Amino acid sequence: MKQFEGENLCPLCGGHKTSGTTTYSVDLGTGVVVVRNVKAQVCSQCGEEWLDNGTAQQLEKIVAEARARQHQVEVLAM
């Protein structure tokens, strides 16, 4: 699949997006979920992060499961 040059440019600052990782956290009100080492595209200039659809769906599942367990703190790594 061919990528267009604009796909690798940050829409916020014009910097270049590169493969990297991020930490994703959610405050559930009754607890906190932290997922480390989440694959993301990260802007080399401003640091903004983007997740692909598959990764976002995985995170949604993790958060739903954590909400059901009702732990105060849950830290996971992908």
C-alpha atoms as a PDB file:
ATOM      1  CA  MET A   1       0.000   0.000   0.000  1.00  0.00           C
ATOM      2  CA  LYS A   2       1.430   3.355  -0.991  1.00  0.00           C
ATOM      3  CA  GLN A   3       1.422   6.093   1.631  1.00  0.00           C
ATOM      4  CA  PHE A   4       0.893   9.697   0.705  1.00  0.00           C
ATOM      5  CA  GLU A   5       3.437  12.129   2.127  1.00  0.00           C
ATOM      6  CA  GLY A   6       0.668  14.067   3.899  1.00  0.00           C
ATOM      7  CA  GLU A   7      -0.274  10.967   5.912  1.00  0.00           C
ATOM      8  CA  ASN A   8       3.012  11.212   7.811  1.00  0.00           C
ATOM      9  CA  LEU A   9       2.622  14.909   8.597  1.00  0.00           C
ATOM     10  CA  CYS A  10       1.129  16.110  11.860  1.00  0.00           C
ATOM     11  CA  PRO A  11      -2.081  18.028  11.133  1.00  0.00           C
ATOM     12  CA  LEU A  12      -1.452  20.199  14.190  1.00  0.00           C
ATOM     13  CA  CYS A  13       2.087  21.461  13.636  1.00  0.00           C
ATOM     14  CA  GLY A  14       3.318  19.991  10.336  1.00  0.00           C
ATOM     15  CA  GLY A  15       5.974  17.825  12.029  1.00  0.00           C
ATOM     16  CA  HIS A  16       6.606  14.228  10.995  1.00  0.00           C
ATOM     17  CA  LYS A  17       4.729  11.344  12.607  1.00  0.00           C
ATOM     18  CA  THR A  18       6.882   8.340  13.470  1.00  0.00           C
ATOM     19  CA  SER A  19       6.196   4.962  15.052  1.00  0.00           C
ATOM     20  CA  GLY A  20       6.529   4.972  18.809  1.00  0.00           C
ATOM     21  CA  THR A  21       4.732   4.157  22.024  1.00  0.00           C
ATOM     22  CA  THR A  22       2.622   6.006  24.541  1.00  0.00           C
ATOM     23  CA  THR A  23       0.991   5.487  27.906  1.00  0.00           C
ATOM     24  CA  TYR A  24      -2.815   5.431  27.851  1.00  0.00           C
ATOM     25  CA  SER A  25      -4.727   6.215  31.038  1.00  0.00           C
ATOM     26  CA  VAL A  26      -8.411   6.454  31.907  1.00  0.00           C
ATOM     27  CA  ASP A  27     -10.043   7.683  35.121  1.00  0.00           C
ATOM     28  CA  LEU A  28     -13.127   5.521  35.645  1.00  0.00           C
ATOM     29  CA  GLY A  29     -14.313   7.499  38.647  1.00  0.00           C
ATOM     30  CA  THR A  30     -14.019   4.424  40.858  1.00  0.00           C
ATOM     31  CA  GLY A  31     -10.480   3.604  39.712  1.00  0.00           C
ATOM     32  CA  VAL A  32      -7.744   4.268  37.199  1.00  0.00           C
ATOM     33  CA  VAL A  33      -6.534   2.160  34.270  1.00  0.00           C
ATOM     34  CA  VAL A  34      -3.018   2.713  32.918  1.00  0.00           C
ATOM     35  CA  VAL A  35      -1.761   0.872  29.838  1.00  0.00           C
ATOM     36  CA  ARG A  36       1.918   1.275  29.025  1.00  0.00           C
ATOM     37  CA  ASN A  37       3.812   0.659  25.787  1.00  0.00           C
ATOM     38  CA  VAL A  38       0.829   1.313  23.515  1.00  0.00           C
ATOM     39  CA  LYS A  39       1.823   1.454  19.839  1.00  0.00           C
ATOM     40  CA  ALA A  40       1.161   4.892  18.399  1.00  0.00           C
ATOM     41  CA  GLN A  41       2.195   7.365  15.756  1.00  0.00           C
ATOM     42  CA  VAL A  42       3.959  10.227  17.541  1.00  0.00           C
ATOM     43  CA  CYS A  43       4.774  13.652  16.125  1.00  0.00           C
ATOM     44  CA  SER A  44       8.506  14.301  16.382  1.00  0.00           C
ATOM     45  CA  GLN A  45       7.870  18.026  16.762  1.00  0.00           C
ATOM     46  CA  CYS A  46       4.892  18.544  19.110  1.00  0.00           C
ATOM     47  CA  GLY A  47       4.542  15.052  20.628  1.00  0.00           C
ATOM     48  CA  GLU A  48       0.874  14.583  19.687  1.00  0.00           C
ATOM     49  CA  GLU A  49      -0.085  10.894  19.472  1.00  0.00           C
ATOM     50  CA  TRP A  50      -2.427   8.886  17.226  1.00  0.00           C
ATOM     51  CA  LEU A  51      -3.693   5.335  17.673  1.00  0.00           C
ATOM     52  CA  ASP A  52      -4.827   3.055  14.867  1.00  0.00           C
ATOM     53  CA  ASN A  53      -8.349   1.595  14.990  1.00  0.00           C
ATOM     54  CA  GLY A  54      -7.211  -1.877  16.094  1.00  0.00           C
ATOM     55  CA  THR A  55      -5.234  -0.489  19.013  1.00  0.00           C
ATOM     56  CA  ALA A  56      -8.125   1.767  20.044  1.00  0.00           C
ATOM     57  CA  GLN A  57     -10.491  -1.214  20.031  1.00  0.00           C
ATOM     58  CA  GLN A  58      -8.065  -3.212  22.217  1.00  0.00           C
ATOM     59  CA  LEU A  59      -7.897  -0.332  24.676  1.00  0.00           C
ATOM     60  CA  GLU A  60     -11.694  -0.048  24.784  1.00  0.00           C
ATOM     61  CA  LYS A  61     -11.902  -3.760  25.638  1.00  0.00           C
ATOM     62  CA  ILE A  62      -9.248  -3.410  28.367  1.00  0.00           C
ATOM     63  CA  VAL A  63     -11.102  -0.467  29.915  1.00  0.00           C
ATOM     64  CA  ALA A  64     -14.456  -2.297  29.812  1.00  0.00           C
ATOM     65  CA  GLU A  65     -12.914  -5.332  31.531  1.00  0.00           C
ATOM     66  CA  ALA A  66     -11.249  -3.147  34.181  1.00  0.00           C
ATOM     67  CA  ARG A  67     -14.541  -1.339  34.810  1.00  0.00           C
ATOM     68  CA  ALA A  68     -16.223  -4.714  35.378  1.00  0.00           C
ATOM     69  CA  ARG A  69     -13.515  -5.808  37.861  1.00  0.00           C
ATOM     70  CA  GLN A  70     -13.831  -2.517  39.763  1.00  0.00           C
ATOM     71  CA  HIS A  71     -10.175  -2.357  40.807  1.00  0.00           C
ATOM     72  CA  GLN A  72      -8.968   0.997  42.080  1.00  0.00           C
ATOM     73  CA  VAL A  73      -5.741   0.847  40.055  1.00  0.00           C
ATOM     74  CA  GLU A  74      -4.887  -1.415  37.139  1.00  0.00           C
ATOM     75  CA  VAL A  75      -1.608  -1.110  35.223  1.00  0.00           C
ATOM     76  CA  LEU A  76      -1.104  -3.172  32.057  1.00  0.00           C
ATOM     77  CA  ALA A  77       1.456  -3.345  29.258  1.00  0.00           C
ATOM     78  CA  MET A  78       0.665  -4.096  25.633  1.00  0.00           C
END
